Amino acid sequence: MNWKLIAISLSCASLLFLSACGSDTATNTKTDTAAATGTNTAEESPAASEESPAATIAPATEEEWQPVLDEYRAFTIKEADSLVIETEKFVNAVKAGDIETAKQLYAPSRMYYERIEPIAEALGDFDPHIDARENDVDEKEWRGFHRIEKILWEENTTKGAEGYADTLLEDIKLLRALMETVEIEPSLLVTGAVELLNEVSSSKVTGEEERYSHTDLYDFVANVEGAEKIYELLKPQLNKHDAELETLIGTSFTNLDDALAVYKDGDGYKSYLDLKEEDTKKLSRLLDALAEPLSQMGKILGA
């Protein structure tokens, strides 16, 4: 239902009634002033006269949140299981000296991590251990996917990457094990969805994340899919509190998904180097259109 339209209609009806009566001088004075200046009085303002739909509905209860949190935990554990399996294939290729296979497996294996990054960030140092880029951490502490990426693409070899590959797999297995016990709060979901899009805006759409392999679109898509999963879980509650906002977020996700589908290449995605300036501008614009309404979810749901 369009609340603003209802409010405007009520205001118009009020003005007609007051004009017909002509008995309340003070009210008429206010109405005349508003008409002359083109502004609404406090009583006539839709914002002041109508309470927002969200304000009339109580926040979700703990019992209502629990199934959502349980389903998100199940989703992240499933992704983590696949992350372990696919990273092990990648690590085996690195250790076998099979550079072409290692390069093919690098980006797809990372997508499982990129979808559940909020969980990793909630569990201490896993994110810098697994996903730090060069100069994000001290050189002596730099390890993880991007350390191996540099060796594979810039040095075009697997030599020297074997130890980093073993450590990467150990870190990911430990992350998976701890995910059984991590406490997931509603705030983690709503902030996690926003942070995933922030990740895209700050490094993926700019091509800074995968500076050696240029496989940024894989990460881009995975971050969006991780945020969209959270939106899908929160959709019923969001619809109950603010149906217009829920529709806007859903439409924005569809627009961004459609735009990203253009860059599909077989089972994967094109190189970031194939994107033109107008491509990155369009993706940035669609990201902005989604990020603004998505950032309102926490306030609307009281999470």
Protein backbone atom coordinates (compact mmCIF):
# COMPACT_ATOMS: atom_id res chain seq x y z
CA MET A 1 0.00 0.00 0.00
CA ASN A 2 1.32 3.53 -0.84
CA TRP A 3 1.27 5.28 2.57
CA LYS A 4 2.55 8.54 1.19
CA LEU A 5 -0.31 8.70 -1.34
CA ILE A 6 -2.84 8.01 1.44
CA ALA A 7 -1.31 10.70 3.60
CA ILE A 8 -1.38 13.26 0.77
CA SER A 9 -5.03 12.40 0.04
CA LEU A 10 -5.94 12.86 3.71
CA SER A 11 -4.18 16.21 3.76
CA CYS A 12 -6.04 17.36 0.65
CA ALA A 13 -9.37 16.25 2.12
CA SER A 14 -8.59 18.17 5.30
CA LEU A 15 -7.85 21.33 3.36
CA LEU A 16 -11.16 21.10 1.43
CA PHE A 17 -13.12 20.58 4.64
CA LEU A 18 -11.52 23.56 6.39
CA SER A 19 -12.04 25.79 3.37
CA ALA A 20 -15.75 24.88 3.20
CA CYS A 21 -16.40 25.58 6.88
CA GLY A 22 -14.50 28.89 6.98
CA SER A 23 -15.05 29.04 10.77
CA ASP A 24 -11.57 28.55 12.17
CA THR A 25 -9.58 31.70 11.57
CA ALA A 26 -6.35 30.36 13.04
CA THR A 27 -6.49 27.21 10.95
CA ASN A 28 -7.33 29.16 7.82
CA THR A 29 -4.40 31.47 8.45
CA LYS A 30 -2.02 28.49 8.67
CA THR A 31 -3.55 26.96 5.55
CA ASP A 32 -3.30 30.19 3.61
CA THR A 33 0.31 30.64 4.66
CA ALA A 34 1.15 27.11 3.60
CA ALA A 35 -0.55 27.63 0.25
CA ALA A 36 1.33 30.87 -0.31
CA THR A 37 4.71 29.45 0.56
CA GLY A 38 4.17 26.04 -1.00
CA THR A 39 5.01 24.26 2.26
CA ASN A 40 3.03 21.94 4.56
CA THR A 41 2.23 22.75 8.13
CA ALA A 42 3.19 20.21 10.79
CA GLU A 43 -0.35 18.87 10.91
CA GLU A 44 -0.52 18.51 7.12
CA SER A 45 2.91 16.93 6.62
CA PRO A 46 2.59 13.26 5.61
CA ALA A 47 5.68 12.44 7.66
CA ALA A 48 4.21 14.01 10.75
CA SER A 49 0.62 12.84 10.33
CA GLU A 50 1.35 9.22 9.38
CA GLU A 51 3.31 6.75 11.42
CA SER A 52 5.61 4.62 9.27
CA PRO A 53 4.50 1.00 8.75
CA ALA A 54 7.70 -0.26 10.43
CA ALA A 55 6.97 1.78 13.57
CA THR A 56 3.60 0.05 14.04
CA ILE A 57 5.04 -3.51 14.01
CA ALA A 58 6.95 -4.95 16.92
CA PRO A 59 10.55 -6.09 16.20
CA ALA A 60 11.03 -9.78 15.50
CA THR A 61 11.15 -11.89 18.62
CA GLU A 62 13.96 -14.28 19.58
CA GLU A 63 11.72 -17.18 18.54
CA GLU A 64 11.19 -15.58 15.10
CA TRP A 65 14.90 -14.94 14.61
CA GLN A 66 16.08 -18.43 15.59
CA PRO A 67 15.02 -20.29 12.39
CA VAL A 68 16.67 -17.56 10.30
CA LEU A 69 19.92 -17.83 12.26
CA ASP A 70 19.85 -21.63 12.08
CA GLU A 71 19.37 -21.55 8.32
CA TYR A 72 22.22 -19.07 7.88
CA ARG A 73 24.50 -21.29 9.98
CA ALA A 74 23.58 -24.27 7.80
CA PHE A 75 24.31 -22.24 4.66
CA THR A 76 27.73 -21.09 5.89
CA ILE A 77 28.72 -24.59 7.03
CA LYS A 78 27.77 -26.03 3.64
CA GLU A 79 29.85 -23.37 1.90
CA ALA A 80 32.75 -24.03 4.28
CA ASP A 81 32.61 -27.77 3.55
CA SER A 82 32.88 -27.01 -0.17
CA LEU A 83 35.66 -24.51 0.56
CA VAL A 84 37.73 -27.23 2.23
CA ILE A 85 37.18 -29.67 -0.65
CA GLU A 86 37.92 -27.20 -3.46
CA THR A 87 40.89 -25.63 -1.68
CA GLU A 88 42.40 -29.07 -1.17
CA LYS A 89 42.21 -29.66 -4.95
CA PHE A 90 43.88 -26.29 -5.51
CA VAL A 91 46.59 -27.02 -2.95
CA ASN A 92 47.27 -30.45 -4.46
CA ALA A 93 47.76 -28.85 -7.89
CA VAL A 94 50.18 -26.30 -6.44
CA LYS A 95 52.17 -28.99 -4.65
CA ALA A 96 52.22 -31.17 -7.78
CA GLY A 97 53.71 -28.32 -9.79
CA ASP A 98 50.67 -28.24 -12.11
CA ILE A 99 50.51 -24.51 -12.63
CA GLU A 100 47.73 -24.49 -15.24
CA THR A 101 45.38 -26.55 -13.07
CA ALA A 102 46.27 -24.43 -10.04
CA LYS A 103 45.39 -21.27 -11.96
CA GLN A 104 42.07 -22.79 -13.11
CA LEU A 105 41.10 -23.80 -9.56
CA TYR A 106 42.23 -20.61 -7.81
CA ALA A 107 39.22 -18.31 -8.42
CA PRO A 108 36.39 -20.90 -8.19
CA SER A 109 37.70 -22.21 -4.85
CA ARG A 110 37.83 -18.67 -3.43
CA MET A 111 34.13 -18.07 -4.17
CA TYR A 112 33.08 -20.32 -1.27
CA TYR A 113 35.11 -18.16 1.08
CA GLU A 114 33.86 -14.87 -0.35
CA ARG A 115 30.23 -15.88 0.27
CA ILE A 116 30.81 -16.45 4.01
CA GLU A 117 33.39 -13.77 4.72
CA PRO A 118 31.33 -12.18 7.57
CA ILE A 119 31.67 -15.41 9.56
CA ALA A 120 35.44 -15.58 9.04
CA GLU A 121 35.77 -11.95 10.13
CA ALA A 122 33.83 -12.77 13.30
CA LEU A 123 36.33 -15.48 14.21
CA GLY A 124 39.51 -13.51 14.87
CA ASP A 125 42.42 -13.48 12.42
CA PHE A 126 41.12 -15.88 9.81
CA ASP A 127 40.38 -13.18 7.25
CA PRO A 128 43.92 -11.69 7.21
CA HIS A 129 45.40 -15.20 7.26
CA ILE A 130 43.28 -16.40 4.34
CA ASP A 131 42.48 -13.30 2.30
CA ALA A 132 45.05 -10.54 2.99
CA ARG A 133 46.46 -8.75 -0.04
CA GLU A 134 50.06 -7.63 -0.35
CA ASN A 135 50.71 -4.72 2.05
CA ASP A 136 47.54 -5.45 4.06
CA VAL A 137 49.79 -7.14 6.65
CA ASP A 138 53.50 -7.24 7.41
CA GLU A 139 55.49 -9.02 4.69
CA LYS A 140 56.69 -11.68 7.16
CA GLU A 141 53.08 -12.49 8.10
CA TRP A 142 51.62 -12.42 4.58
CA ARG A 143 50.12 -15.76 3.55
CA GLY A 144 46.86 -17.11 2.15
CA PHE A 145 45.27 -17.06 -1.29
CA HIS A 146 46.79 -13.83 -2.53
CA ARG A 147 50.33 -14.80 -1.54
CA ILE A 148 49.97 -17.86 -3.75
CA GLU A 149 48.23 -15.83 -6.46
CA LYS A 150 51.29 -13.59 -6.79
CA ILE A 151 53.63 -16.57 -7.18
CA LEU A 152 51.41 -18.29 -9.75
CA TRP A 153 50.73 -15.30 -11.97
CA GLU A 154 53.61 -12.87 -11.46
CA GLU A 155 56.40 -15.46 -11.16
CA ASN A 156 54.53 -18.01 -13.32
CA THR A 157 55.60 -20.95 -11.16
CA THR A 158 54.44 -23.06 -8.25
CA LYS A 159 57.89 -23.18 -6.69
CA GLY A 160 57.93 -21.42 -3.37
CA ALA A 161 54.12 -21.67 -3.01
CA GLU A 162 53.96 -25.17 -1.54
CA GLY A 163 54.37 -24.12 2.08
CA TYR A 164 51.84 -21.30 1.74
CA ALA A 165 49.41 -23.78 0.17
CA ASP A 166 49.71 -26.16 3.12
CA THR A 167 49.18 -23.31 5.59
CA LEU A 168 46.16 -22.07 3.64
CA LEU A 169 44.49 -25.46 3.84
CA GLU A 170 45.24 -25.72 7.57
CA ASP A 171 43.70 -22.28 8.18
CA ILE A 172 40.58 -23.16 6.21
CA LYS A 173 40.11 -26.49 7.99
CA LEU A 174 40.43 -24.73 11.35
CA LEU A 175 37.92 -22.09 10.24
CA ARG A 176 35.49 -24.83 9.26
CA ALA A 177 35.90 -26.55 12.63
CA LEU A 178 35.24 -23.37 14.62
CA MET A 179 32.13 -22.52 12.62
CA GLU A 180 30.23 -25.15 14.59
CA THR A 181 30.56 -23.02 17.71
CA VAL A 182 30.43 -19.42 16.47
CA GLU A 183 27.56 -17.42 17.94
CA ILE A 184 25.48 -15.89 15.18
CA GLU A 185 23.49 -12.81 16.17
CA PRO A 186 20.89 -10.99 14.03
CA SER A 187 23.28 -8.04 13.81
CA LEU A 188 25.88 -10.26 12.12
CA LEU A 189 23.47 -10.93 9.28
CA VAL A 190 22.39 -7.37 8.60
CA THR A 191 25.88 -5.90 8.96
CA GLY A 192 27.38 -8.85 7.10
CA ALA A 193 25.24 -8.20 4.02
CA VAL A 194 26.28 -4.54 3.96
CA GLU A 195 29.96 -5.39 4.53
CA LEU A 196 29.95 -7.85 1.64
CA LEU A 197 28.79 -5.09 -0.68
CA ASN A 198 31.35 -2.70 0.82
CA GLU A 199 34.00 -5.30 -0.04
CA VAL A 200 32.84 -5.21 -3.65
CA SER A 201 32.83 -1.41 -3.81
CA SER A 202 36.23 -0.99 -2.18
CA SER A 203 38.27 -3.61 -4.02
CA LYS A 204 36.44 -5.86 -6.49
CA VAL A 205 34.84 -3.30 -8.79
CA THR A 206 38.15 -1.43 -8.86
CA GLY A 207 40.21 -4.49 -9.79
CA GLU A 208 42.44 -4.21 -6.70
CA GLU A 209 41.49 -7.51 -5.06
CA GLU A 210 42.95 -9.83 -7.69
CA ARG A 211 45.76 -7.62 -8.91
CA TYR A 212 47.78 -10.53 -10.38
CA SER A 213 45.14 -12.97 -11.69
CA HIS A 214 42.48 -10.35 -12.56
CA THR A 215 39.76 -12.78 -11.46
CA ASP A 216 37.91 -10.06 -9.53
CA LEU A 217 34.53 -10.86 -11.09
CA TYR A 218 34.47 -14.26 -9.33
CA ASP A 219 34.84 -12.50 -5.97
CA PHE A 220 32.36 -9.81 -7.01
CA VAL A 221 29.68 -12.39 -7.82
CA ALA A 222 30.36 -14.44 -4.67
CA ASN A 223 30.11 -11.39 -2.38
CA VAL A 224 26.79 -10.42 -3.97
CA GLU A 225 25.52 -13.99 -3.65
CA GLY A 226 26.48 -14.01 0.06
CA ALA A 227 24.60 -10.74 0.65
CA GLU A 228 21.62 -11.94 -1.40
CA LYS A 229 21.39 -15.12 0.68
CA ILE A 230 21.06 -13.00 3.82
CA TYR A 231 18.38 -10.86 2.15
CA GLU A 232 16.44 -13.99 1.14
CA LEU A 233 16.50 -15.23 4.75
CA LEU A 234 15.32 -11.85 6.08
CA LYS A 235 12.77 -11.26 3.30
CA PRO A 236 9.64 -12.42 5.20
CA GLN A 237 10.38 -10.20 8.20
CA LEU A 238 11.43 -7.32 5.98
CA ASN A 239 8.23 -7.62 3.96
CA LYS A 240 6.18 -7.52 7.15
CA HIS A 241 7.89 -4.34 8.37
CA ASP A 242 8.39 -2.44 5.11
CA ALA A 243 7.14 -4.07 1.92
CA GLU A 244 8.31 -1.18 -0.28
CA LEU A 245 11.87 -1.46 1.02
CA GLU A 246 11.84 -5.24 0.57
CA THR A 247 10.69 -4.84 -3.05
CA LEU A 248 13.32 -2.19 -3.72
CA ILE A 249 16.12 -4.42 -2.37
CA GLY A 250 14.87 -7.42 -4.34
CA THR A 251 14.67 -5.41 -7.58
CA SER A 252 18.15 -4.00 -7.00
CA PHE A 253 19.60 -7.49 -6.51
CA THR A 254 17.92 -8.65 -9.74
CA ASN A 255 19.34 -5.70 -11.67
CA LEU A 256 22.86 -6.38 -10.38
CA ASP A 257 22.59 -10.14 -11.01
CA ASP A 258 21.46 -9.49 -14.59
CA ALA A 259 24.35 -7.10 -15.18
CA LEU A 260 26.91 -9.60 -13.83
CA ALA A 261 25.47 -12.42 -15.98
CA VAL A 262 26.70 -10.55 -19.05
CA TYR A 263 30.28 -11.31 -17.99
CA LYS A 264 29.80 -15.08 -17.68
CA ASP A 265 32.41 -17.06 -19.59
CA GLY A 266 31.65 -20.78 -19.61
CA ASP A 267 31.55 -21.95 -15.99
CA GLY A 268 33.41 -18.86 -14.83
CA TYR A 269 33.70 -15.14 -15.51
CA LYS A 270 35.70 -12.92 -17.81
CA SER A 271 38.94 -11.30 -16.76
CA TYR A 272 38.66 -7.91 -15.11
CA LEU A 273 40.95 -6.66 -17.89
CA ASP A 274 38.10 -7.25 -20.37
CA LEU A 275 35.90 -4.69 -18.62
CA LYS A 276 35.68 -1.21 -20.11
CA GLU A 277 35.23 2.00 -18.16
CA GLU A 278 31.50 2.09 -18.90
CA ASP A 279 31.20 -1.48 -17.56
CA THR A 280 32.71 -0.65 -14.17
CA LYS A 281 30.68 2.57 -13.97
CA LYS A 282 27.46 0.65 -14.59
CA LEU A 283 28.33 -1.98 -11.97
CA SER A 284 29.26 0.73 -9.46
CA ARG A 285 25.96 2.50 -10.09
CA LEU A 286 23.99 -0.71 -9.54
CA LEU A 287 25.97 -1.42 -6.37
CA ASP A 288 25.17 2.02 -4.99
CA ALA A 289 21.48 1.56 -5.83
CA LEU A 290 21.47 -1.67 -3.80
CA ALA A 291 23.71 -0.61 -0.91
CA GLU A 292 21.55 2.31 0.24
CA PRO A 293 18.27 0.39 0.84
CA LEU A 294 20.19 -2.66 2.09
CA SER A 295 21.81 -0.52 4.80
CA GLN A 296 18.33 0.21 6.19
CA MET A 297 17.56 -3.43 6.99
CA GLY A 298 19.13 -3.35 10.45
CA LYS A 299 17.14 -0.31 11.56
CA ILE A 300 13.88 -1.61 10.11
CA LEU A 301 14.27 -5.04 11.75
CA GLY A 302 15.70 -3.72 15.03
CA ALA A 303 18.77 -5.97 14.66
